């Protein structure tokens, strides 16, 4: 839901994070593409997720690159669990957005940024 709202109103947000939720489908989520290119996004997921399979996130990553979006994708060695590593990485990502200082993701993170941040 966070992604859906931010995609509809990117001017209202400094960034958006999603933990365990896929990129929204339907309702033309990239309608405001020009504004979305300036919106930092973090997507965190379990690599063994049943709700958000790895194949789906790979397909979405291709979409993000094609659309030139500022997306960091991080994957963790869990299914659909929320872990302290996810929360730690979310905190580091938030601090990076606020301060501009890039912090290293946790040791449990398997996939990082698209290189645009």
PDB file of N, CA and C in Angstrom:
ATOM      1  N   UNK A   1       0.822  -1.183   0.000  1.00  0.00           N
ATOM      2  CA  UNK A   1       0.000   0.000   0.000  1.00  0.00           C
ATOM      3  C   UNK A   1       0.876   1.260   0.000  1.00  0.00           C
ATOM      4  N   UNK A   2       2.015   1.210   0.691  1.00  0.00           N
ATOM      5  CA  UNK A   2       2.909   2.373   0.707  1.00  0.00           C
ATOM      6  C   UNK A   2       3.363   2.718  -0.711  1.00  0.00           C
ATOM      7  N   UNK A   3       3.738   1.696  -1.470  1.00  0.00           N
ATOM      8  CA  UNK A   3       4.166   1.945  -2.851  1.00  0.00           C
ATOM      9  C   UNK A   3       3.031   2.523  -3.687  1.00  0.00           C
ATOM     10  N   UNK A   4       1.852   1.970  -3.561  1.00  0.00           N
ATOM     11  CA  UNK A   4       0.713   2.436  -4.357  1.00  0.00           C
ATOM     12  C   UNK A   4       0.437   3.915  -4.088  1.00  0.00           C
ATOM     13  N   UNK A   5       0.419   4.319  -2.818  1.00  0.00           N
ATOM     14  CA  UNK A   5       0.140   5.714  -2.467  1.00  0.00           C
ATOM     15  C   UNK A   5       1.260   6.629  -2.964  1.00  0.00           C
ATOM     16  N   UNK A   6       2.506   6.233  -2.753  1.00  0.00           N
ATOM     17  CA  UNK A   6       3.633   7.061  -3.188  1.00  0.00           C
ATOM     18  C   UNK A   6       3.693   7.188  -4.705  1.00  0.00           C
ATOM     19  N   UNK A   7       3.337   6.131  -5.417  1.00  0.00           N
ATOM     20  CA  UNK A   7       3.346   6.188  -6.875  1.00  0.00           C
ATOM     21  C   UNK A   7       2.257   7.123  -7.404  1.00  0.00           C
ATOM     22  N   UNK A   8       1.163   7.221  -6.682  1.00  0.00           N
ATOM     23  CA  UNK A   8       0.082   8.111  -7.092  1.00  0.00           C
ATOM     24  C   UNK A   8       0.368   9.570  -6.732  1.00  0.00           C
ATOM     25  N   UNK A   9       1.156   9.786  -5.668  1.00  0.00           N
ATOM     26  CA  UNK A   9       1.425  11.139  -5.175  1.00  0.00           C
ATOM     27  C   UNK A   9       2.909  11.326  -4.844  1.00  0.00           C
ATOM     28  N   UNK A  10       3.806  11.172  -5.812  1.00  0.00           N
ATOM     29  CA  UNK A  10       5.247  11.235  -5.510  1.00  0.00           C
ATOM     30  C   UNK A  10       5.698  12.587  -4.961  1.00  0.00           C
ATOM     31  N   UNK A  11       4.995  13.633  -5.283  1.00  0.00           N
ATOM     32  CA  UNK A  11       5.372  14.961  -4.801  1.00  0.00           C
ATOM     33  C   UNK A  11       5.196  15.111  -3.290  1.00  0.00           C
ATOM     34  N   UNK A  12       4.476  14.224  -2.660  1.00  0.00           N
ATOM     35  CA  UNK A  12       4.208  14.303  -1.222  1.00  0.00           C
ATOM     36  C   UNK A  12       5.222  13.544  -0.371  1.00  0.00           C
ATOM     37  N   UNK A  13       6.118  12.803  -1.021  1.00  0.00           N
ATOM     38  CA  UNK A  13       7.012  11.922  -0.282  1.00  0.00           C
ATOM     39  C   UNK A  13       8.471  12.150  -0.665  1.00  0.00           C
ATOM     40  N   UNK A  14       9.361  11.946   0.312  1.00  0.00           N
ATOM     41  CA  UNK A  14      10.798  12.040   0.056  1.00  0.00           C
ATOM     42  C   UNK A  14      11.357  10.688  -0.361  1.00  0.00           C
ATOM     43  N   UNK A  15      10.583   9.633  -0.173  1.00  0.00           N
ATOM     44  CA  UNK A  15      10.976   8.274  -0.531  1.00  0.00           C
ATOM     45  C   UNK A  15       9.907   7.321  -0.063  1.00  0.00           C
ATOM     46  N   UNK A  16      10.027   6.061  -0.467  1.00  0.00           N
ATOM     47  CA  UNK A  16       9.044   5.053  -0.067  1.00  0.00           C
ATOM     48  C   UNK A  16       9.742   3.713   0.090  1.00  0.00           C
ATOM     49  N   UNK A  17       9.306   2.954   1.103  1.00  0.00           N
ATOM     50  CA  UNK A  17       9.876   1.631   1.354  1.00  0.00           C
ATOM     51  C   UNK A  17       8.759   0.603   1.434  1.00  0.00           C
ATOM     52  N   UNK A  18       9.046  -0.593   0.949  1.00  0.00           N
ATOM     53  CA  UNK A  18       8.117  -1.706   1.021  1.00  0.00           C
ATOM     54  C   UNK A  18       8.871  -2.924   1.525  1.00  0.00           C
ATOM     55  N   UNK A  19       8.346  -3.553   2.562  1.00  0.00           N
ATOM     56  CA  UNK A  19       8.954  -4.776   3.086  1.00  0.00           C
ATOM     57  C   UNK A  19       7.988  -5.924   2.821  1.00  0.00           C
ATOM     58  N   UNK A  20       8.386  -6.791   1.906  1.00  0.00           N
ATOM     59  CA  UNK A  20       7.611  -7.989   1.610  1.00  0.00           C
ATOM     60  C   UNK A  20       6.439  -7.791   0.676  1.00  0.00           C
ATOM     61  N   UNK A  21       6.286  -6.607   0.124  1.00  0.00           N
ATOM     62  CA  UNK A  21       5.161  -6.371  -0.775  1.00  0.00           C
ATOM     63  C   UNK A  21       5.626  -6.135  -2.190  1.00  0.00           C
ATOM     64  N   UNK A  22       4.947  -6.708  -3.171  1.00  0.00           N
ATOM     65  CA  UNK A  22       5.345  -6.526  -4.555  1.00  0.00           C
ATOM     66  C   UNK A  22       4.983  -5.143  -5.085  1.00  0.00           C
ATOM     67  N   UNK A  23       5.534  -4.807  -6.212  1.00  0.00           N
ATOM     68  CA  UNK A  23       5.210  -3.566  -6.897  1.00  0.00           C
ATOM     69  C   UNK A  23       3.743  -3.624  -7.312  1.00  0.00           C
ATOM     70  N   UNK A  24       2.994  -2.544  -7.119  1.00  0.00           N
ATOM     71  CA  UNK A  24       1.559  -2.573  -7.430  1.00  0.00           C
ATOM     72  C   UNK A  24       1.280  -2.850  -8.904  1.00  0.00           C
ATOM     73  N   UNK A  25       0.228  -3.601  -9.149  1.00  0.00           N
ATOM     74  CA  UNK A  25      -0.238  -3.864 -10.504  1.00  0.00           C
ATOM     75  C   UNK A  25      -1.597  -3.208 -10.677  1.00  0.00           C
ATOM     76  N   UNK A  26      -1.967  -2.933 -11.893  1.00  0.00           N
ATOM     77  CA  UNK A  26      -3.254  -2.312 -12.156  1.00  0.00           C
ATOM     78  C   UNK A  26      -3.228  -0.832 -11.819  1.00  0.00           C
ATOM     79  N   UNK A  27      -4.222  -0.104 -12.264  1.00  0.00           N
ATOM     80  CA  UNK A  27      -4.371   1.337 -12.008  1.00  0.00           C
ATOM     81  C   UNK A  27      -3.159   2.131 -12.495  1.00  0.00           C
ATOM     82  N   UNK A  28      -2.450   1.635 -13.501  1.00  0.00           N
ATOM     83  CA  UNK A  28      -1.326   2.338 -14.136  1.00  0.00           C
ATOM     84  C   UNK A  28      -0.363   2.945 -13.111  1.00  0.00           C
ATOM     85  N   UNK A  29       0.408   2.127 -12.380  1.00  0.00           N
ATOM     86  CA  UNK A  29       1.270   2.641 -11.313  1.00  0.00           C
ATOM     87  C   UNK A  29       2.369   3.599 -11.781  1.00  0.00           C
ATOM     88  N   UNK A  30       2.730   3.568 -13.059  1.00  0.00           N
ATOM     89  CA  UNK A  30       3.800   4.441 -13.547  1.00  0.00           C
ATOM     90  C   UNK A  30       3.262   5.641 -14.348  1.00  0.00           C
ATOM     91  N   UNK A  31       2.021   6.005 -14.110  1.00  0.00           N
ATOM     92  CA  UNK A  31       1.411   7.122 -14.819  1.00  0.00           C
ATOM     93  C   UNK A  31       2.210   8.411 -14.640  1.00  0.00           C
ATOM     94  N   UNK A  32       2.782   8.611 -13.472  1.00  0.00           N
ATOM     95  CA  UNK A  32       3.524   9.832 -13.172  1.00  0.00           C
ATOM     96  C   UNK A  32       5.027   9.566 -13.240  1.00  0.00           C
ATOM     97  N   UNK A  33       5.447   8.900 -14.291  1.00  0.00           N
ATOM     98  CA  UNK A  33       6.819   8.423 -14.430  1.00  0.00           C
ATOM     99  C   UNK A  33       7.855   9.521 -14.258  1.00  0.00           C
ATOM    100  N   UNK A  34       7.659  10.670 -14.862  1.00  0.00           N
ATOM    101  CA  UNK A  34       8.651  11.739 -14.767  1.00  0.00           C
ATOM    102  C   UNK A  34       8.906  12.115 -13.299  1.00  0.00           C
ATOM    103  N   UNK A  35       7.857  12.259 -12.496  1.00  0.00           N
ATOM    104  CA  UNK A  35       8.019  12.591 -11.079  1.00  0.00           C
ATOM    105  C   UNK A  35       8.584  11.415 -10.287  1.00  0.00           C
ATOM    106  N   UNK A  36       8.228  10.197 -10.693  1.00  0.00           N
ATOM    107  CA  UNK A  36       8.682   9.010  -9.976  1.00  0.00           C
ATOM    108  C   UNK A  36      10.180   8.785 -10.104  1.00  0.00           C
ATOM    109  N   UNK A  37      10.778   9.271 -11.166  1.00  0.00           N
ATOM    110  CA  UNK A  37      12.222   9.075 -11.348  1.00  0.00           C
ATOM    111  C   UNK A  37      13.036   9.754 -10.254  1.00  0.00           C
ATOM    112  N   UNK A  38      12.464  10.723  -9.570  1.00  0.00           N
ATOM    113  CA  UNK A  38      13.163  11.385  -8.479  1.00  0.00           C
ATOM    114  C   UNK A  38      12.825  10.835  -7.110  1.00  0.00           C
ATOM    115  N   UNK A  39      11.960   9.825  -7.048  1.00  0.00           N
ATOM    116  CA  UNK A  39      11.506   9.266  -5.777  1.00  0.00           C
ATOM    117  C   UNK A  39      12.319   8.025  -5.412  1.00  0.00           C
ATOM    118  N   UNK A  40      13.163   8.098  -4.381  1.00  0.00           N
ATOM    119  CA  UNK A  40      13.910   6.907  -3.967  1.00  0.00           C
ATOM    120  C   UNK A  40      12.962   5.836  -3.417  1.00  0.00           C
ATOM    121  N   UNK A  41      13.205   4.583  -3.791  1.00  0.00           N
ATOM    122  CA  UNK A  41      12.382   3.468  -3.329  1.00  0.00           C
ATOM    123  C   UNK A  41      13.268   2.356  -2.790  1.00  0.00           C
ATOM    124  N   UNK A  42      12.795   1.722  -1.734  1.00  0.00           N
ATOM    125  CA  UNK A  42      13.456   0.547  -1.176  1.00  0.00           C
ATOM    126  C   UNK A  42      12.447  -0.588  -1.173  1.00  0.00           C
ATOM    127  N   UNK A  43      12.831  -1.706  -1.743  1.00  0.00           N
ATOM    128  CA  UNK A  43      11.999  -2.901  -1.710  1.00  0.00           C
ATOM    129  C   UNK A  43      12.822  -3.997  -1.047  1.00  0.00           C
ATOM    130  N   UNK A  44      12.317  -4.505   0.085  1.00  0.00           N
ATOM    131  CA  UNK A  44      12.988  -5.563   0.833  1.00  0.00           C
ATOM    132  C   UNK A  44      12.089  -6.797   0.813  1.00  0.00           C
ATOM    133  N   UNK A  45      12.687  -7.959   0.576  1.00  0.00           N
ATOM    134  CA  UNK A  45      11.893  -9.180   0.495  1.00  0.00           C
ATOM    135  C   UNK A  45      12.695 -10.396   0.912  1.00  0.00           C
ATOM    136  N   UNK A  46      11.974 -11.426   1.330  1.00  0.00           N
ATOM    137  CA  UNK A  46      12.586 -12.715   1.605  1.00  0.00           C
ATOM    138  C   UNK A  46      12.768 -13.467   0.301  1.00  0.00           C
ATOM    139  N   UNK A  47      13.941 -14.020   0.085  1.00  0.00           N
ATOM    140  CA  UNK A  47      14.190 -14.692  -1.203  1.00  0.00           C
ATOM    141  C   UNK A  47      13.392 -15.980  -1.365  1.00  0.00           C
ATOM    142  N   UNK A  48      12.860 -16.528  -0.264  1.00  0.00           N
ATOM    143  CA  UNK A  48      12.042 -17.737  -0.331  1.00  0.00           C
ATOM    144  C   UNK A  48      10.564 -17.432  -0.117  1.00  0.00           C
ATOM    145  N   UNK A  49      10.177 -16.193  -0.375  1.00  0.00           N
ATOM    146  CA  UNK A  49       8.806 -15.751  -0.135  1.00  0.00           C
ATOM    147  C   UNK A  49       7.808 -16.496  -1.018  1.00  0.00           C
ATOM    148  N   UNK A  50       6.689 -16.860  -0.421  1.00  0.00           N
ATOM    149  CA  UNK A  50       5.587 -17.443  -1.176  1.00  0.00           C
ATOM    150  C   UNK A  50       4.662 -16.344  -1.685  1.00  0.00           C
ATOM    151  N   UNK A  51       4.622 -15.220  -0.985  1.00  0.00           N
ATOM    152  CA  UNK A  51       3.760 -14.098  -1.349  1.00  0.00           C
ATOM    153  C   UNK A  51       4.376 -13.229  -2.447  1.00  0.00           C
ATOM    154  N   UNK A  52       5.701 -13.141  -2.465  1.00  0.00           N
ATOM    155  CA  UNK A  52       6.418 -12.265  -3.400  1.00  0.00           C
ATOM    156  C   UNK A  52       7.622 -13.033  -3.939  1.00  0.00           C
ATOM    157  N   UNK A  53       7.389 -13.956  -4.887  1.00  0.00           N
ATOM    158  CA  UNK A  53       8.448 -14.850  -5.366  1.00  0.00           C
ATOM    159  C   UNK A  53       9.627 -14.116  -6.010  1.00  0.00           C
ATOM    160  N   UNK A  54      10.777 -14.724  -5.913  1.00  0.00           N
ATOM    161  CA  UNK A  54      12.007 -14.160  -6.460  1.00  0.00           C
ATOM    162  C   UNK A  54      11.869 -13.837  -7.947  1.00  0.00           C
ATOM    163  N   UNK A  55      11.227 -14.696  -8.704  1.00  0.00           N
ATOM    164  CA  UNK A  55      11.042 -14.453 -10.138  1.00  0.00           C
ATOM    165  C   UNK A  55      10.278 -13.161 -10.386  1.00  0.00           C
ATOM    166  N   UNK A  56       9.272 -12.882  -9.572  1.00  0.00           N
ATOM    167  CA  UNK A  56       8.497 -11.654  -9.725  1.00  0.00           C
ATOM    168  C   UNK A  56       9.362 -10.421  -9.455  1.00  0.00           C
ATOM    169  N   UNK A  57      10.188 -10.477  -8.425  1.00  0.00           N
ATOM    170  CA  UNK A  57      11.054  -9.327  -8.132  1.00  0.00           C
ATOM    171  C   UNK A  57      12.082  -9.115  -9.239  1.00  0.00           C
ATOM    172  N   UNK A  58      12.554 -10.204  -9.866  1.00  0.00           N
ATOM    173  CA  UNK A  58      13.490 -10.067 -10.990  1.00  0.00           C
ATOM    174  C   UNK A  58      12.820  -9.387 -12.180  1.00  0.00           C
ATOM    175  N   UNK A  59      11.583  -9.759 -12.447  1.00  0.00           N
ATOM    176  CA  UNK A  59      10.836  -9.114 -13.529  1.00  0.00           C
ATOM    177  C   UNK A  59      10.608  -7.638 -13.229  1.00  0.00           C
ATOM    178  N   UNK A  60      10.286  -7.331 -11.983  1.00  0.00           N
ATOM    179  CA  UNK A  60      10.084  -5.944 -11.592  1.00  0.00           C
ATOM    180  C   UNK A  60      11.377  -5.144 -11.695  1.00  0.00           C
ATOM    181  N   UNK A  61      12.507  -5.764 -11.370  1.00  0.00           N
ATOM    182  CA  UNK A  61      13.787  -5.077 -11.472  1.00  0.00           C
ATOM    183  C   UNK A  61      14.053  -4.644 -12.909  1.00  0.00           C
ATOM    184  N   UNK A  62      13.705  -5.486 -13.869  1.00  0.00           N
ATOM    185  CA  UNK A  62      13.839  -5.102 -15.285  1.00  0.00           C
ATOM    186  C   UNK A  62      12.964  -3.883 -15.597  1.00  0.00           C
ATOM    187  N   UNK A  63      11.756  -3.869 -15.069  1.00  0.00           N
ATOM    188  CA  UNK A  63      10.861  -2.722 -15.255  1.00  0.00           C
ATOM    189  C   UNK A  63      11.469  -1.468 -14.640  1.00  0.00           C
ATOM    190  N   UNK A  64      12.005  -1.574 -13.437  1.00  0.00           N
ATOM    191  CA  UNK A  64      12.602  -0.416 -12.759  1.00  0.00           C
ATOM    192  C   UNK A  64      13.750   0.160 -13.573  1.00  0.00           C
ATOM    193  N   UNK A  65      14.600  -0.713 -14.103  1.00  0.00           N
ATOM    194  CA  UNK A  65      15.725  -0.257 -14.925  1.00  0.00           C
ATOM    195  C   UNK A  65      15.227   0.416 -16.203  1.00  0.00           C
ATOM    196  N   UNK A  66      14.260  -0.202 -16.861  1.00  0.00           N
ATOM    197  CA  UNK A  66      13.730   0.365 -18.103  1.00  0.00           C
ATOM    198  C   UNK A  66      13.081   1.728 -17.862  1.00  0.00           C
ATOM    199  N   UNK A  67      12.471   1.908 -16.709  1.00  0.00           N
ATOM    200  CA  UNK A  67      11.802   3.166 -16.378  1.00  0.00           C
ATOM    201  C   UNK A  67      12.751   4.176 -15.742  1.00  0.00           C
ATOM    202  N   UNK A  68      14.003   3.802 -15.514  1.00  0.00           N
ATOM    203  CA  UNK A  68      15.012   4.662 -14.868  1.00  0.00           C
ATOM    204  C   UNK A  68      14.570   5.131 -13.481  1.00  0.00           C
ATOM    205  N   UNK A  69      14.005   4.206 -12.702  1.00  0.00           N
ATOM    206  CA  UNK A  69      13.589   4.521 -11.340  1.00  0.00           C
ATOM    207  C   UNK A  69      14.747   4.352 -10.367  1.00  0.00           C
ATOM    208  N   UNK A  70      14.700   5.067  -9.261  1.00  0.00           N
ATOM    209  CA  UNK A  70      15.725   4.998  -8.211  1.00  0.00           C
ATOM    210  C   UNK A  70      15.296   3.961  -7.184  1.00  0.00           C
ATOM    211  N   UNK A  71      15.600   2.709  -7.450  1.00  0.00           N
ATOM    212  CA  UNK A  71      15.135   1.621  -6.599  1.00  0.00           C
ATOM    213  C   UNK A  71      16.306   0.823  -6.061  1.00  0.00           C
ATOM    214  N   UNK A  72      16.249   0.550  -4.756  1.00  0.00           N
ATOM    215  CA  UNK A  72      17.168  -0.390  -4.123  1.00  0.00           C
ATOM    216  C   UNK A  72      16.349  -1.615  -3.762  1.00  0.00           C
ATOM    217  N   UNK A  73      16.814  -2.776  -4.185  1.00  0.00           N
ATOM    218  CA  UNK A  73      16.138  -4.027  -3.847  1.00  0.00           C
ATOM    219  C   UNK A  73      17.083  -4.835  -2.973  1.00  0.00           C
ATOM    220  N   UNK A  74      16.558  -5.296  -1.855  1.00  0.00           N
ATOM    221  CA  UNK A  74      17.366  -6.098  -0.935  1.00  0.00           C
ATOM    222  C   UNK A  74      16.610  -7.384  -0.644  1.00  0.00           C
ATOM    223  N   UNK A  75      17.340  -8.487  -0.682  1.00  0.00           N
ATOM    224  CA  UNK A  75      16.736  -9.792  -0.440  1.00  0.00           C
ATOM    225  C   UNK A  75      17.413 -10.438   0.757  1.00  0.00           C
ATOM    226  N   UNK A  76      16.624 -11.215   1.502  1.00  0.00           N
ATOM    227  CA  UNK A  76      17.083 -11.801   2.757  1.00  0.00           C
ATOM    228  C   UNK A  76      16.815 -13.303   2.758  1.00  0.00           C
ATOM    229  N   UNK A  77      17.602 -14.077   3.506  1.00  0.00           N
ATOM    230  CA  UNK A  77      17.458 -15.539   3.524  1.00  0.00           C
ATOM    231  C   UNK A  77      16.300 -16.009   4.409  1.00  0.00           C
ATOM    232  N   UNK A  78      15.091 -15.544   4.091  1.00  0.00           N
ATOM    233  CA  UNK A  78      13.879 -15.923   4.818  1.00  0.00           C
ATOM    234  C   UNK A  78      12.750 -16.096   3.811  1.00  0.00           C
ATOM    235  N   UNK A  79      11.600 -16.503   4.306  1.00  0.00           N
ATOM    236  CA  UNK A  79      10.412 -16.595   3.441  1.00  0.00           C
ATOM    237  C   UNK A  79       9.662 -15.267   3.531  1.00  0.00           C
ATOM    238  N   UNK A  80       8.607 -15.220   4.313  1.00  0.00           N
ATOM    239  CA  UNK A  80       7.804 -14.007   4.426  1.00  0.00           C
ATOM    240  C   UNK A  80       7.910 -13.389   5.815  1.00  0.00           C
ATOM    241  N   UNK A  81       9.039 -13.609   6.466  1.00  0.00           N
ATOM    242  CA  UNK A  81       9.262 -13.103   7.809  1.00  0.00           C
ATOM    243  C   UNK A  81       9.800 -11.674   7.778  1.00  0.00           C
ATOM    244  N   UNK A  82       9.527 -10.945   8.842  1.00  0.00           N
ATOM    245  CA  UNK A  82      10.137  -9.646   9.069  1.00  0.00           C
ATOM    246  C   UNK A  82      11.293  -9.873  10.028  1.00  0.00           C
ATOM    247  N   UNK A  83      12.498  -9.461   9.634  1.00  0.00           N
ATOM    248  CA  UNK A  83      13.678  -9.729  10.452  1.00  0.00           C
ATOM    249  C   UNK A  83      14.313  -8.433  10.939  1.00  0.00           C
ATOM    250  N   UNK A  84      15.160  -8.561  11.936  1.00  0.00           N
ATOM    251  CA  UNK A  84      15.886  -7.387  12.427  1.00  0.00           C
ATOM    252  C   UNK A  84      16.837  -6.862  11.362  1.00  0.00           C
ATOM    253  N   UNK A  85      17.349  -7.743  10.503  1.00  0.00           N
ATOM    254  CA  UNK A  85      18.225  -7.285   9.411  1.00  0.00           C
ATOM    255  C   UNK A  85      17.447  -6.384   8.455  1.00  0.00           C
ATOM    256  N   UNK A  86      16.200  -6.734   8.156  1.00  0.00           N
ATOM    257  CA  UNK A  86      15.370  -5.893   7.286  1.00  0.00           C
ATOM    258  C   UNK A  86      15.154  -4.521   7.914  1.00  0.00           C
ATOM    259  N   UNK A  87      14.833  -4.520   9.198  1.00  0.00           N
ATOM    260  CA  UNK A  87      14.590  -3.254   9.892  1.00  0.00           C
ATOM    261  C   UNK A  87      15.865  -2.428   9.992  1.00  0.00           C
ATOM    262  N   UNK A  88      16.992  -3.091  10.206  1.00  0.00           N
ATOM    263  CA  UNK A  88      18.278  -2.392  10.256  1.00  0.00           C
ATOM    264  C   UNK A  88      18.601  -1.760   8.902  1.00  0.00           C
ATOM    265  N   UNK A  89      18.380  -2.515   7.836  1.00  0.00           N
ATOM    266  CA  UNK A  89      18.638  -1.979   6.500  1.00  0.00           C
ATOM    267  C   UNK A  89      17.664  -0.858   6.150  1.00  0.00           C
ATOM    268  N   UNK A  90      16.416  -0.980   6.589  1.00  0.00           N
ATOM    269  CA  UNK A  90      15.445   0.090   6.380  1.00  0.00           C
ATOM    270  C   UNK A  90      15.918   1.351   7.089  1.00  0.00           C
ATOM    271  N   UNK A  91      16.383   1.208   8.317  1.00  0.00           N
ATOM    272  CA  UNK A  91      16.895   2.352   9.059  1.00  0.00           C
ATOM    273  C   UNK A  91      18.088   2.986   8.340  1.00  0.00           C
ATOM    274  N   UNK A  92      19.023   2.159   7.881  1.00  0.00           N
ATOM    275  CA  UNK A  92      20.195   2.674   7.163  1.00  0.00           C
ATOM    276  C   UNK A  92      19.769   3.388   5.883  1.00  0.00           C
ATOM    277  N   UNK A  93      18.808   2.837   5.160  1.00  0.00           N
ATOM    278  CA  UNK A  93      18.328   3.449   3.925  1.00  0.00           C
ATOM    279  C   UNK A  93      17.671   4.794   4.223  1.00  0.00           C
ATOM    280  N   UNK A  94      16.853   4.839   5.277  1.00  0.00           N
ATOM    281  CA  UNK A  94      16.209   6.098   5.664  1.00  0.00           C
ATOM    282  C   UNK A  94      17.249   7.155   6.020  1.00  0.00           C
ATOM    283  N   UNK A  95      18.252   6.759   6.790  1.00  0.00           N
ATOM    284  CA  UNK A  95      19.301   7.707   7.176  1.00  0.00           C
ATOM    285  C   UNK A  95      20.081   8.185   5.954  1.00  0.00           C
ATOM    286  N   UNK A  96      20.294   7.298   4.983  1.00  0.00           N
ATOM    287  CA  UNK A  96      20.968   7.679   3.750  1.00  0.00           C
ATOM    288  C   UNK A  96      20.151   8.725   2.998  1.00  0.00           C
ATOM    289  N   UNK A  97      18.829   8.558   2.984  1.00  0.00           N
ATOM    290  CA  UNK A  97      17.972   9.516   2.291  1.00  0.00           C
ATOM    291  C   UNK A  97      18.013  10.878   2.979  1.00  0.00           C
ATOM    292  N   UNK A  98      18.082  10.868   4.301  1.00  0.00           N
ATOM    293  CA  UNK A  98      18.074  12.111   5.073  1.00  0.00           C
ATOM    294  C   UNK A  98      19.432  12.808   5.042  1.00  0.00           C
ATOM    295  N   UNK A  99      20.507  12.026   5.202  1.00  0.00           N
ATOM    296  CA  UNK A  99      21.838  12.626   5.352  1.00  0.00           C
ATOM    297  C   UNK A  99      22.669  12.632   4.084  1.00  0.00           C
ATOM    298  N   UNK A 100      22.350  11.739   3.159  1.00  0.00           N
ATOM    299  CA  UNK A 100      23.155  11.608   1.944  1.00  0.00           C
ATOM    300  C   UNK A 100      24.386  10.743   2.148  1.00  0.00           C
ATOM    301  N   UNK A 101      24.550  10.173   3.327  1.00  0.00           N
ATOM    302  CA  UNK A 101      25.692   9.309   3.637  1.00  0.00           C
ATOM    303  C   UNK A 101      25.267   7.858   3.457  1.00  0.00           C
ATOM    304  N   UNK A 102      25.959   7.145   2.570  1.00  0.00           N
ATOM    305  CA  UNK A 102      25.629   5.757   2.260  1.00  0.00           C
ATOM    306  C   UNK A 102      26.214   4.828   3.319  1.00  0.00           C
ATOM    307  N   UNK A 103      25.338   4.048   3.958  1.00  0.00           N
ATOM    308  CA  UNK A 103      25.761   3.060   4.946  1.00  0.00           C
ATOM    309  C   UNK A 103      25.686   1.678   4.324  1.00  0.00           C
ATOM    310  N   UNK A 104      26.512   0.776   4.788  1.00  0.00           N
ATOM    311  CA  UNK A 104      26.516  -0.583   4.260  1.00  0.00           C
ATOM    312  C   UNK A 104      25.294  -1.342   4.769  1.00  0.00           C
ATOM    313  N   UNK A 105      24.653  -2.153   3.895  1.00  0.00           N
ATOM    314  CA  UNK A 105      23.550  -2.991   4.346  1.00  0.00           C
ATOM    315  C   UNK A 105      24.050  -4.085   5.276  1.00  0.00           C
ATOM    316  N   UNK A 106      23.123  -4.729   5.984  1.00  0.00           N
ATOM    317  CA  UNK A 106      23.488  -5.780   6.927  1.00  0.00           C
ATOM    318  C   UNK A 106      24.142  -6.957   6.201  1.00  0.00           C
ATOM    319  N   UNK A 107      24.789  -7.817   6.983  1.00  0.00           N
ATOM    320  CA  UNK A 107      25.443  -8.998   6.417  1.00  0.00           C
ATOM    321  C   UNK A 107      24.452  -9.976   5.813  1.00  0.00           C
ATOM    322  N   UNK A 108      23.175  -9.906   6.220  1.00  0.00           N
ATOM    323  CA  UNK A 108      22.171 -10.843   5.719  1.00  0.00           C
ATOM    324  C   UNK A 108      21.561 -10.393   4.393  1.00  0.00           C
ATOM    325  N   UNK A 109      21.936  -9.237   3.895  1.00  0.00           N
ATOM    326  CA  UNK A 109      21.373  -8.725   2.653  1.00  0.00           C
ATOM    327  C   UNK A 109      22.065  -9.387   1.473  1.00  0.00           C
ATOM    328  N   UNK A 110      21.285  -9.857   0.502  1.00  0.00           N
ATOM    329  CA  UNK A 110      21.846 -10.535  -0.643  1.00  0.00           C
ATOM    330  C   UNK A 110      21.846  -9.740  -1.925  1.00  0.00           C
ATOM    331  N   UNK A 111      20.962  -8.805  -2.063  1.00  0.00           N
ATOM    332  CA  UNK A 111      20.864  -8.048  -3.300  1.00  0.00           C
ATOM    333  C   UNK A 111      20.722  -6.587  -2.934  1.00  0.00           C
ATOM    334  N   UNK A 112      21.483  -5.723  -3.579  1.00  0.00           N
ATOM    335  CA  UNK A 112      21.467  -4.336  -3.142  1.00  0.00           C
ATOM    336  C   UNK A 112      20.847  -3.409  -4.163  1.00  0.00           C
ATOM    337  N   UNK A 113      21.528  -2.328  -4.439  1.00  0.00           N
ATOM    338  CA  UNK A 113      20.985  -1.224  -5.207  1.00  0.00           C
ATOM    339  C   UNK A 113      21.166  -1.421  -6.700  1.00  0.00           C
ATOM    340  N   UNK A 114      20.403  -0.653  -7.446  1.00  0.00           N
ATOM    341  CA  UNK A 114      20.532  -0.679  -8.901  1.00  0.00           C
ATOM    342  C   UNK A 114      21.649   0.254  -9.363  1.00  0.00           C
ATOM    343  N   UNK A 115      22.357   0.888  -8.416  1.00  0.00           N
ATOM    344  CA  UNK A 115      23.479   1.733  -8.751  1.00  0.00           C
ATOM    345  C   UNK A 115      23.126   3.178  -8.997  1.00  0.00           C
ATOM    346  N   UNK A 116      21.864   3.526  -8.867  1.00  0.00           N
ATOM    347  CA  UNK A 116      21.455   4.901  -9.129  1.00  0.00           C
ATOM    348  C   UNK A 116      21.454   5.758  -7.880  1.00  0.00           C
ATOM    349  N   UNK A 117      21.570   5.157  -6.702  1.00  0.00           N
ATOM    350  CA  UNK A 117      21.578   5.929  -5.454  1.00  0.00           C
ATOM    351  C   UNK A 117      22.973   6.347  -5.090  1.00  0.00           C
TER     352      UNK A 117
END
